[in-house]
Every structure is written in structure tokens, then in C-alpha cells.
Amino acid sequence: MAVTKFYNIEGIIRNGFKLSRDYQVLDFTFTKLGDSGVAALSGSKSVRQLRRLILTGQKLTSVAAEFLAGSPTLGNLQYLKLYRNKLGDEGCRHIANSPNLTQLKSLRLGLNGVGPEGARHIAQSETLTELTSLILSDNKIGDEGLRALGEAHNMGNLEILEVKKAGITDEGILEFVKSRHFPKLQTLVLSDNQLTEKGHQAIQEFLIINRVLNRVTEGSEVLDLSKLDLNDFEISVIANREELKDIQKIYLELNRLTAKGIEAITSSSQLNNITLLSLDRNSIGDEGIAHIVNSENMQNLEILMVENNGLSNEALKLIAESENMTNLTRLYLEGNDYDEEGLEYLAESEFLEKLEYPVLEREEEVEEVEEEEEEEFEDIEEEEEEDEEEIIDDDEEYA
């Protein structure tokens, strides 16, 4: 790789460190290096501790990418921004195959003349396994390039993928969202592409599924989705996922669920063995309770937590009259608008014989107490009569 000799790279590096006030960061946005400058930089021992390198608008070509990829002194680099250059597919190939850039977590290659082949090089890289953020916006990778990214097997740590203005259509999106190679991907930006509502919805559903399934481990019986700000639509997207078939306990407190979200849960073909359902601090209302108690999928329910959900006496009545609630042992109702009438419904229910909490004064127990009191009273009367007879006998004997 023959390049023009670049002078005073060490001085430029020193000035860069001074400007950043950090020996781990170099930003050359306002310093023009070109391919020759990057070649000199890549050979410098002064950048051994470098973590972040910014080389935007430098008119760099694949030659610069080859020097960066081959540098033995850039092994600690974690952030590489090469926005607005001319690396092309060949530059992507050099970076993707680099034996030195194994620590790279963020790679920003926007506006670099990258096509489908460049995207494929990155997708097939065995070096870029630590990437958490990949930016390929303003490159015409198209559906073919996005499809190649979806087939990547070594990018399981990726959290952010941005491919704006890249010639992508619904066809590419619908293929990409089938991928199960990105368990940590939470941000997928595809604005300024030729997408319809169908494509946008596919993206939204993909991110929801990723967000939830990331919390499901194989064979796990517990799913904790509390405090995720989930809404009804998000719940409806994941409710019938086969990955949830073993779940027995679901924690959904502190979300934004209404009766519609509860309907999605209770009608799910996968969630039919639930023993614990925690819904505290949502807005399911009496209608949400109706969905729960009328669902045959909820027949195994033992613990139901519905505190602060806008429930009235009607909700308690629905629970009391449901044959599906016979296994219920604990019912948490605090923070709802019910009164003694509602508790009476529970106490008089023929289906809630296993209910231990809340502690209720049932009719049979009241009758037993009354009978015990009557028996006690009768015993006292008998004792008093016996005492009177003894007194009479004593008086007669004395007389």
C-alpha cells in the first residue's frame, strides 16, 4: 500500500489528545489527514491506549480502511466513526476481516458508498463480535444488504442498528424481522426508506418481541415484565408466542395495561397454565377482571394480584361467581374502590373454598361461632340449675 509520506503525525496526535483532554479519545473532524495521515496514525505507538477514533469527512478510501484494520496499535479501539468518506465495499471488507479490531463496540460508516456487498462483509465478520452499535445510514445497501445483515451469526451483542436512507423496502424488512440472531437489539432505525405501514408495523413488532423474549430463558416458568411501560398492543404482540408455553408465573405490575391487554393474555393459546398473575398498578378495571375469571386458561390460577386497578364491588362479585377461580388461594385487592359488600360476595362464594387471603368471615364460620356460644350459654344455665339444686338440698338438710 503506497501512500504519500505524512509528516508530523506525532504532533497532531499530541494536539488531539490535548483538545480531548483524554488520552483515549482522538477527534479529527477539523483536521484533514487523508489516507496518508491515517496510514501514519495507524503505525504510531502513541495510540496504543486509544478507545475512540473519529475520522469524519476525510475523503478516506479503502486504503485508509486497510491501514486501520492492519494496525497492531489500535487493538483497544472500541468506537470508530468514519462518517462521510469513500470506503466503499472494499473498505468494509478490510474492517470486517481485521484481526486487530476485536474490541470494537461501535462502528459508524454512514455515507461511505457502501452497497449490499459491503453489508455482507460486515455481517459475515468473525472479528466484529463485540459490536453493540452499527450505523450504515446513507448507503445504498438495499433489501439485499439488509437481508445479509439479518443472516449474521456473530452479532448477538448488537443493540442499535441504524440504516436510514438506504433503499430498503417492505420486502427487506419482512425478511429481516424473521432473524433470531439479535437477542439484544432494541433500537432499529430505518427512516427515510420506502416503507409502508406494513413495514413499520413489522419493525415495531420485531422490537417488542425482542424486548420480551430477551427475558425468557428456555424452560423458565417465570416471566418478569414489570416496570417496562408495556401497553396493550405490545402485550397482544407477544401473548401467543410459542416461547411462552412453559410460563406459569407472570409479573406485569407497573405497566399501562387495560382490559384489552388482559383479553390478549387470557385468550392466549400459550399461556394456559398460569398459577400466578401479578397486575398491580395498571388500569384493567372490572372489565379486565371479567376477562380473567371467564377464561378457561386461568383455571389453574392460585395467586391474583390486582392492587390499584380501578376495581369496584362488581369485580369482586365476578371473581366470587366464577367456576374458573376454584384454585385461587390468595387475592390482593388493596387500593381499589370496594367495600364490605364486595367482601361479602367473596365470603359467600361456593367456588372460593381454597381462598386464604384476604381472611374472610364466612357464613358457616359465623354459624359455628353462634352454635358454640349457644352451647356455652346452655352449659352455664345447667351449671346454675345444678348450683340451685345443691343450695335447696343443703337448706332442706339444715332444716
Protein backbone atom coordinates (compact mmCIF):
# COMPACT_ATOMS: atom_id res chain seq x y z
CA MET A 1 0.00 0.00 0.00
CA ALA A 2 1.91 3.01 -1.26
CA VAL A 3 0.80 6.34 0.18
CA THR A 4 2.33 9.79 0.32
CA LYS A 5 4.51 10.29 3.38
CA PHE A 6 2.67 12.21 6.08
CA TYR A 7 4.77 14.45 8.32
CA ASN A 8 4.36 15.36 11.99
CA ILE A 9 1.68 12.80 12.84
CA GLU A 10 3.00 12.62 16.42
CA GLY A 11 2.48 16.36 16.89
CA ILE A 12 -1.05 16.12 15.50
CA ILE A 13 -1.79 13.20 17.84
CA ARG A 14 -0.47 15.17 20.84
CA ASN A 15 -2.63 18.16 19.92
CA GLY A 16 -5.61 15.85 19.51
CA PHE A 17 -5.14 14.43 22.98
CA LYS A 18 -4.86 17.95 24.41
CA LEU A 19 -8.09 19.00 22.74
CA SER A 20 -9.97 15.97 24.00
CA ARG A 21 -8.28 16.16 27.42
CA ASP A 22 -8.27 12.39 27.29
CA TYR A 23 -5.52 10.07 26.05
CA GLN A 24 -8.18 7.60 24.98
CA VAL A 25 -10.02 9.90 22.51
CA LEU A 26 -8.97 11.44 19.18
CA ASP A 27 -11.37 13.53 17.09
CA PHE A 28 -10.01 14.65 13.72
CA THR A 29 -13.23 16.18 12.42
CA PHE A 30 -11.45 19.50 11.83
CA THR A 31 -8.02 18.09 10.96
CA LYS A 32 -7.56 16.70 7.49
CA LEU A 33 -5.43 13.57 7.41
CA GLY A 34 -6.40 11.75 4.24
CA ASP A 35 -5.27 8.21 3.52
CA SER A 36 -1.60 9.07 4.15
CA GLY A 37 -2.36 10.62 7.53
CA VAL A 38 -4.39 7.59 8.61
CA ALA A 39 -1.54 5.35 7.46
CA ALA A 40 0.86 7.29 9.69
CA LEU A 41 -1.60 7.26 12.58
CA SER A 42 -2.05 3.50 12.30
CA GLY A 43 1.67 2.97 12.68
CA SER A 44 2.09 5.24 15.71
CA LYS A 45 2.80 3.76 19.13
CA SER A 46 1.14 6.79 20.74
CA VAL A 47 -2.34 5.39 20.08
CA ARG A 48 -1.98 2.13 21.99
CA GLN A 49 -4.48 3.29 24.64
CA LEU A 50 -6.91 4.81 22.14
CA ARG A 51 -10.56 3.88 22.71
CA ARG A 52 -12.42 6.37 20.46
CA LEU A 53 -11.33 7.50 16.99
CA ILE A 54 -13.34 9.96 14.87
CA LEU A 55 -12.38 10.48 11.24
CA THR A 56 -15.33 12.21 9.55
CA GLY A 57 -15.22 13.97 6.19
CA GLN A 58 -11.62 12.99 5.42
CA LYS A 59 -12.17 11.67 1.86
CA LEU A 60 -10.75 8.39 3.06
CA THR A 61 -10.77 5.41 0.71
CA SER A 62 -10.43 1.68 1.20
CA VAL A 63 -6.68 2.28 1.54
CA ALA A 64 -7.20 4.06 4.87
CA ALA A 65 -9.52 1.26 5.99
CA GLU A 66 -6.81 -1.27 5.20
CA PHE A 67 -4.26 0.60 7.33
CA LEU A 68 -6.69 0.89 10.23
CA ALA A 69 -7.56 -2.80 10.01
CA GLY A 70 -3.93 -3.83 9.91
CA SER A 71 -2.76 -1.61 12.78
CA PRO A 72 -1.29 -3.56 15.72
CA THR A 73 -1.53 -0.44 17.91
CA LEU A 74 -5.32 0.02 17.62
CA GLY A 75 -6.23 -3.18 19.41
CA ASN A 76 -8.00 -1.31 22.23
CA LEU A 77 -10.24 0.70 19.91
CA GLN A 78 -13.92 0.49 20.90
CA TYR A 79 -15.50 3.34 18.92
CA LEU A 80 -14.72 4.07 15.27
CA LYS A 81 -16.56 6.81 13.38
CA LEU A 82 -15.79 7.09 9.68
CA TYR A 83 -18.81 9.08 8.57
CA ARG A 84 -18.79 10.81 5.17
CA ASN A 85 -15.83 9.15 3.50
CA LYS A 86 -15.37 6.88 0.46
CA LEU A 87 -14.55 3.50 1.96
CA GLY A 88 -16.92 1.51 -0.27
CA ASP A 89 -17.45 -2.24 -0.09
CA GLU A 90 -13.71 -2.88 -0.15
CA GLY A 91 -13.17 -0.72 2.91
CA CYS A 92 -15.87 -2.67 4.73
CA ARG A 93 -14.11 -5.89 3.80
CA HIS A 94 -10.85 -4.70 5.37
CA ILE A 95 -12.53 -3.66 8.61
CA ALA A 96 -14.67 -6.81 8.80
CA ASN A 97 -11.65 -9.08 8.38
CA SER A 98 -9.31 -7.19 10.71
CA PRO A 99 -7.54 -9.36 13.28
CA ASN A 100 -6.91 -6.27 15.42
CA LEU A 101 -10.31 -4.60 15.85
CA THR A 102 -11.75 -7.31 18.08
CA GLN A 103 -12.73 -4.85 20.86
CA LEU A 104 -14.80 -2.61 18.59
CA LYS A 105 -18.24 -1.89 20.05
CA SER A 106 -19.45 0.99 17.86
CA LEU A 107 -18.87 1.23 14.11
CA ARG A 108 -20.28 4.23 12.24
CA LEU A 109 -19.99 4.03 8.46
CA GLY A 110 -22.72 6.39 7.28
CA LEU A 111 -22.36 7.96 3.81
CA ASN A 112 -19.47 5.84 2.57
CA GLY A 113 -20.64 4.45 -0.76
CA VAL A 114 -21.32 1.06 0.78
CA GLY A 115 -23.55 -1.37 -1.14
CA PRO A 116 -25.03 -4.82 -0.47
CA GLU A 117 -21.61 -6.46 -0.70
CA GLY A 118 -20.18 -4.20 2.00
CA ALA A 119 -23.09 -5.03 4.29
CA ARG A 120 -22.45 -8.71 3.63
CA HIS A 121 -18.77 -8.36 4.59
CA ILE A 122 -19.76 -6.86 7.93
CA ALA A 123 -22.49 -9.44 8.51
CA GLN A 124 -20.09 -12.33 7.94
CA SER A 125 -17.29 -10.87 10.06
CA GLU A 126 -15.79 -13.09 12.72
CA THR A 127 -13.98 -10.09 14.20
CA LEU A 128 -16.82 -7.68 14.96
CA THR A 129 -18.49 -9.94 17.53
CA GLU A 130 -18.47 -7.27 20.27
CA LEU A 131 -20.40 -4.67 18.24
CA THR A 132 -23.29 -3.11 20.14
CA SER A 133 -23.93 -0.28 17.66
CA LEU A 134 -23.74 -0.34 13.85
CA ILE A 135 -24.57 2.70 11.67
CA LEU A 136 -24.88 2.21 7.91
CA SER A 137 -27.20 5.10 7.03
CA ASP A 138 -26.98 6.88 3.67
CA ASN A 139 -25.54 3.82 1.97
CA LYS A 140 -27.48 2.02 -0.75
CA ILE A 141 -27.34 -1.42 0.78
CA GLY A 142 -30.98 -2.07 -0.21
CA ASP A 143 -33.06 -5.11 0.67
CA GLU A 144 -30.20 -7.41 -0.29
CA GLY A 145 -27.83 -5.78 2.19
CA LEU A 146 -30.42 -5.80 4.97
CA ARG A 147 -31.15 -9.45 4.27
CA ALA A 148 -27.43 -10.20 4.60
CA LEU A 149 -27.33 -8.42 7.97
CA GLY A 150 -30.30 -10.47 9.13
CA GLU A 151 -28.32 -13.63 8.44
CA ALA A 152 -25.37 -12.52 10.61
CA HIS A 153 -24.49 -15.20 13.16
CA ASN A 154 -21.83 -13.29 15.09
CA MET A 155 -23.65 -10.10 16.07
CA GLY A 156 -25.55 -11.31 19.10
CA ASN A 157 -24.42 -8.28 21.13
CA LEU A 158 -25.86 -5.71 18.73
CA GLU A 159 -28.25 -3.29 20.48
CA ILE A 160 -28.51 -0.48 17.90
CA LEU A 161 -28.80 -0.80 14.13
CA GLU A 162 -29.33 2.35 12.07
CA VAL A 163 -29.86 2.07 8.32
CA LYS A 164 -31.61 5.28 7.28
CA LYS A 165 -31.97 6.30 3.64
CA ALA A 166 -30.61 3.02 2.33
CA GLY A 167 -33.05 2.00 -0.42
CA ILE A 168 -34.87 -0.52 1.77
CA THR A 169 -38.47 -1.62 1.12
CA ASP A 170 -41.05 -3.71 2.97
CA GLU A 171 -39.64 -6.82 1.30
CA GLY A 172 -36.28 -6.40 3.02
CA ILE A 173 -37.85 -5.59 6.37
CA LEU A 174 -40.16 -8.61 6.31
CA GLU A 175 -37.15 -10.84 5.72
CA PHE A 176 -35.00 -9.17 8.37
CA VAL A 177 -37.60 -9.45 11.15
CA LYS A 178 -37.55 -13.23 10.82
CA SER A 179 -34.00 -13.21 12.16
CA ARG A 180 -33.34 -14.59 15.63
CA HIS A 181 -29.67 -13.60 15.64
CA PHE A 182 -30.12 -10.29 17.50
CA PRO A 183 -31.42 -11.08 21.00
CA LYS A 184 -30.23 -7.72 22.38
CA LEU A 185 -31.35 -5.45 19.52
CA GLN A 186 -33.61 -2.73 20.96
CA THR A 187 -33.17 0.16 18.53
CA LEU A 188 -33.78 -0.34 14.81
CA VAL A 189 -33.83 2.92 12.82
CA LEU A 190 -34.97 2.65 9.19
CA SER A 191 -36.43 6.08 8.50
CA ASP A 192 -36.29 7.65 5.01
CA ASN A 193 -36.70 4.29 3.29
CA GLN A 194 -39.54 3.13 1.02
CA LEU A 195 -41.61 1.58 3.78
CA THR A 196 -45.39 1.30 4.06
CA GLU A 197 -47.44 0.88 7.22
CA LYS A 198 -46.88 -2.86 6.91
CA GLY A 199 -43.12 -2.41 7.09
CA HIS A 200 -43.26 -0.02 10.03
CA GLN A 201 -45.55 -2.37 11.95
CA ALA A 202 -43.21 -5.29 11.26
CA ILE A 203 -40.34 -3.29 12.79
CA GLN A 204 -42.41 -2.39 15.83
CA GLU A 205 -43.48 -5.98 16.43
CA PHE A 206 -39.93 -7.23 15.95
CA LEU A 207 -38.60 -4.87 18.63
CA ILE A 208 -41.40 -5.78 21.05
CA ILE A 209 -40.75 -9.49 20.62
CA ASN A 210 -37.01 -8.97 21.07
CA ARG A 211 -37.59 -6.88 24.17
CA VAL A 212 -39.72 -9.54 25.83
CA LEU A 213 -38.12 -12.75 24.62
CA ASN A 214 -34.77 -11.47 25.84
CA ARG A 215 -36.22 -12.07 29.33
CA VAL A 216 -37.30 -15.63 28.63
CA THR A 217 -34.86 -18.47 29.23
CA GLU A 218 -35.53 -21.94 27.89
CA GLY A 219 -37.60 -23.99 30.32
CA SER A 220 -38.21 -21.00 32.57
CA GLU A 221 -41.56 -20.87 34.38
CA VAL A 222 -41.28 -17.22 35.44
CA LEU A 223 -41.59 -14.14 33.22
CA ASP A 224 -40.92 -10.74 34.79
CA LEU A 225 -42.20 -7.89 32.62
CA SER A 226 -42.76 -5.41 35.43
CA LYS A 227 -41.91 -1.71 35.07
CA LEU A 228 -41.42 -1.86 31.28
CA ASP A 229 -44.16 0.64 30.40
CA LEU A 230 -45.82 -2.02 28.24
CA ASN A 231 -49.14 -1.21 26.59
CA ASP A 232 -51.99 -3.35 25.26
CA PHE A 233 -50.60 -3.57 21.73
CA GLU A 234 -47.21 -4.76 22.92
CA ILE A 235 -48.81 -7.45 25.08
CA SER A 236 -51.02 -8.59 22.19
CA VAL A 237 -47.93 -9.00 20.01
CA ILE A 238 -46.17 -11.38 22.39
CA ALA A 239 -49.10 -13.19 24.04
CA ASN A 240 -49.23 -16.08 21.56
CA ARG A 241 -45.50 -16.62 21.18
CA GLU A 242 -44.57 -20.29 21.48
CA GLU A 243 -41.58 -19.33 23.63
CA LEU A 244 -44.04 -18.58 26.47
CA LYS A 245 -45.64 -22.04 26.60
CA ASP A 246 -43.83 -23.07 29.82
CA ILE A 247 -44.56 -19.86 31.71
CA GLN A 248 -46.56 -20.29 34.93
CA LYS A 249 -45.89 -17.02 36.73
CA ILE A 250 -46.19 -13.60 35.06
CA TYR A 251 -45.28 -10.29 36.70
CA LEU A 252 -46.80 -7.32 34.84
CA GLU A 253 -47.11 -4.71 37.56
CA LEU A 254 -46.48 -1.03 36.86
CA ASN A 255 -47.26 -1.06 33.13
CA ARG A 256 -50.02 0.60 31.06
CA LEU A 257 -52.38 -2.31 30.58
CA THR A 258 -56.15 -2.02 30.26
CA ALA A 259 -58.87 -4.64 29.81
CA LYS A 260 -57.82 -5.05 26.17
CA GLY A 261 -54.35 -6.20 27.18
CA ILE A 262 -55.82 -8.63 29.71
CA GLU A 263 -58.03 -10.08 26.99
CA ALA A 264 -54.91 -10.82 24.92
CA ILE A 265 -53.30 -12.63 27.86
CA THR A 266 -56.34 -14.67 28.89
CA SER A 267 -57.17 -15.75 25.33
CA SER A 268 -53.60 -16.80 24.54
CA SER A 269 -53.12 -20.33 23.22
CA GLN A 270 -49.73 -20.49 25.00
CA LEU A 271 -50.47 -19.01 28.43
CA ASN A 272 -52.82 -21.73 29.65
CA ASN A 273 -51.01 -22.90 32.76
CA ILE A 274 -50.73 -19.67 34.75
CA THR A 275 -50.66 -20.07 38.53
CA LEU A 276 -49.59 -16.52 39.43
CA LEU A 277 -50.67 -13.33 37.67
CA SER A 278 -49.41 -10.00 39.01
CA LEU A 279 -51.12 -6.91 37.57
CA ASP A 280 -50.71 -4.35 40.35
CA ARG A 281 -50.86 -0.69 39.33
CA ASN A 282 -52.35 -0.99 35.86
CA SER A 283 -55.82 0.10 34.68
CA ILE A 284 -57.63 -3.14 33.93
CA GLY A 285 -60.90 -2.20 35.68
CA ASP A 286 -63.86 -4.54 36.23
CA GLU A 287 -63.79 -5.48 32.54
CA GLY A 288 -60.26 -6.81 32.90
CA ILE A 289 -61.35 -8.97 35.82
CA ALA A 290 -64.20 -10.30 33.67
CA HIS A 291 -61.68 -11.48 31.06
CA ILE A 292 -59.65 -13.26 33.75
CA VAL A 293 -62.50 -15.07 35.51
CA ASN A 294 -64.27 -16.07 32.28
CA SER A 295 -61.17 -17.63 30.75
CA GLU A 296 -60.71 -21.39 30.98
CA ASN A 297 -56.99 -20.72 30.54
CA MET A 298 -56.98 -19.23 34.05
CA GLN A 299 -58.38 -22.31 35.83
CA ASN A 300 -55.02 -23.06 37.47
CA LEU A 301 -54.69 -19.56 38.89
CA GLU A 302 -53.68 -19.63 42.56
CA ILE A 303 -52.44 -16.09 43.15
CA LEU A 304 -54.00 -12.99 41.60
CA MET A 305 -52.54 -9.54 42.33
CA VAL A 306 -54.71 -6.65 41.13
CA GLU A 307 -53.99 -3.82 43.56
CA ASN A 308 -54.68 -0.25 42.37
CA ASN A 309 -56.55 -1.17 39.21
CA GLY A 310 -59.81 0.78 39.46
CA LEU A 311 -61.87 -2.20 40.63
CA SER A 312 -65.31 -1.96 42.24
CA ASN A 313 -67.58 -4.39 44.09
CA GLU A 314 -68.63 -5.71 40.70
CA ALA A 315 -65.13 -7.10 40.12
CA LEU A 316 -65.25 -8.99 43.41
CA LYS A 317 -68.68 -10.34 42.51
CA LEU A 318 -67.33 -11.60 39.18
CA ILE A 319 -64.50 -13.40 40.97
CA ALA A 320 -66.89 -14.90 43.52
CA GLU A 321 -69.26 -16.27 40.88
CA SER A 322 -66.61 -17.81 38.61
CA GLU A 323 -66.15 -21.58 38.43
CA ASN A 324 -62.70 -20.93 36.96
CA MET A 325 -61.41 -19.47 40.23
CA THR A 326 -61.71 -22.63 42.37
CA ASN A 327 -57.91 -22.90 42.81
CA LEU A 328 -57.48 -19.31 43.97
CA THR A 329 -55.70 -19.15 47.33
CA ARG A 330 -54.55 -15.52 47.51
CA LEU A 331 -56.22 -12.40 46.14
CA TYR A 332 -54.58 -8.99 46.56
CA LEU A 333 -57.07 -6.13 46.21
CA GLU A 334 -55.67 -3.16 48.14
CA GLY A 335 -56.06 0.28 46.58
CA ASN A 336 -59.35 -0.46 44.80
CA ASP A 337 -62.82 1.03 45.32
CA TYR A 338 -64.66 -1.84 47.03
CA ASP A 339 -66.35 -2.13 50.43
CA GLU A 340 -67.89 -4.70 52.78
CA GLU A 341 -70.46 -5.63 50.17
CA GLY A 342 -67.70 -6.76 47.82
CA LEU A 343 -66.02 -8.79 50.55
CA GLU A 344 -69.35 -10.44 51.32
CA TYR A 345 -69.51 -11.68 47.74
CA LEU A 346 -66.16 -13.39 48.28
CA ALA A 347 -67.14 -14.75 51.68
CA GLU A 348 -70.37 -16.27 50.37
CA SER A 349 -68.82 -17.77 47.22
CA GLU A 350 -69.22 -21.50 46.70
CA PHE A 351 -66.15 -21.53 44.43
CA LEU A 352 -63.56 -19.85 46.67
CA GLU A 353 -63.19 -22.52 49.33
CA LYS A 354 -59.39 -22.51 48.98
CA LEU A 355 -59.08 -18.74 49.43
CA GLU A 356 -56.76 -17.94 52.35
CA TYR A 357 -56.23 -14.23 51.73
CA PRO A 358 -57.95 -11.89 52.28
CA VAL A 359 -59.17 -13.52 55.50
CA LEU A 360 -62.96 -13.60 55.28
CA GLU A 361 -65.66 -14.30 57.86
CA ARG A 362 -67.71 -16.93 56.12
CA GLU A 363 -71.37 -17.74 56.96
CA GLU A 364 -70.60 -21.29 58.13
CA GLU A 365 -67.95 -19.94 60.50
CA VAL A 366 -70.43 -17.41 61.89
CA GLU A 367 -72.99 -20.17 62.43
CA GLU A 368 -70.38 -22.34 64.16
CA VAL A 369 -69.47 -19.45 66.46
CA GLU A 370 -73.14 -18.86 67.26
CA GLU A 371 -73.66 -22.57 67.98
CA GLU A 372 -70.61 -22.62 70.24
CA GLU A 373 -71.92 -19.55 72.07
CA GLU A 374 -75.35 -21.20 72.48
CA GLU A 375 -73.75 -24.38 73.79
CA GLU A 376 -71.68 -22.32 76.21
CA PHE A 377 -74.81 -20.49 77.36
CA GLU A 378 -76.65 -23.81 77.84
CA ASP A 379 -73.73 -25.19 79.84
CA ILE A 380 -73.79 -22.11 82.07
CA GLU A 381 -77.56 -22.47 82.60
CA GLU A 382 -77.16 -26.14 83.52
CA GLU A 383 -74.40 -25.28 85.99
CA GLU A 384 -76.59 -22.58 87.57
CA GLU A 385 -79.51 -25.02 87.88
CA GLU A 386 -77.24 -27.60 89.50
CA ASP A 387 -75.96 -24.95 91.93
CA GLU A 388 -79.54 -24.00 92.84
CA GLU A 389 -80.47 -27.64 93.44
CA GLU A 390 -77.45 -28.07 95.70
CA ILE A 391 -78.47 -24.98 97.70
CA ILE A 392 -82.03 -26.30 98.12
CA ASP A 393 -80.72 -29.68 99.24
CA ASP A 394 -78.42 -28.01 101.77
CA ASP A 395 -81.31 -25.91 103.12
CA GLU A 396 -83.56 -28.97 103.50
CA GLU A 397 -80.81 -30.89 105.24
CA TYR A 398 -80.23 -27.99 107.63
CA ALA A 399 -83.96 -27.67 108.36
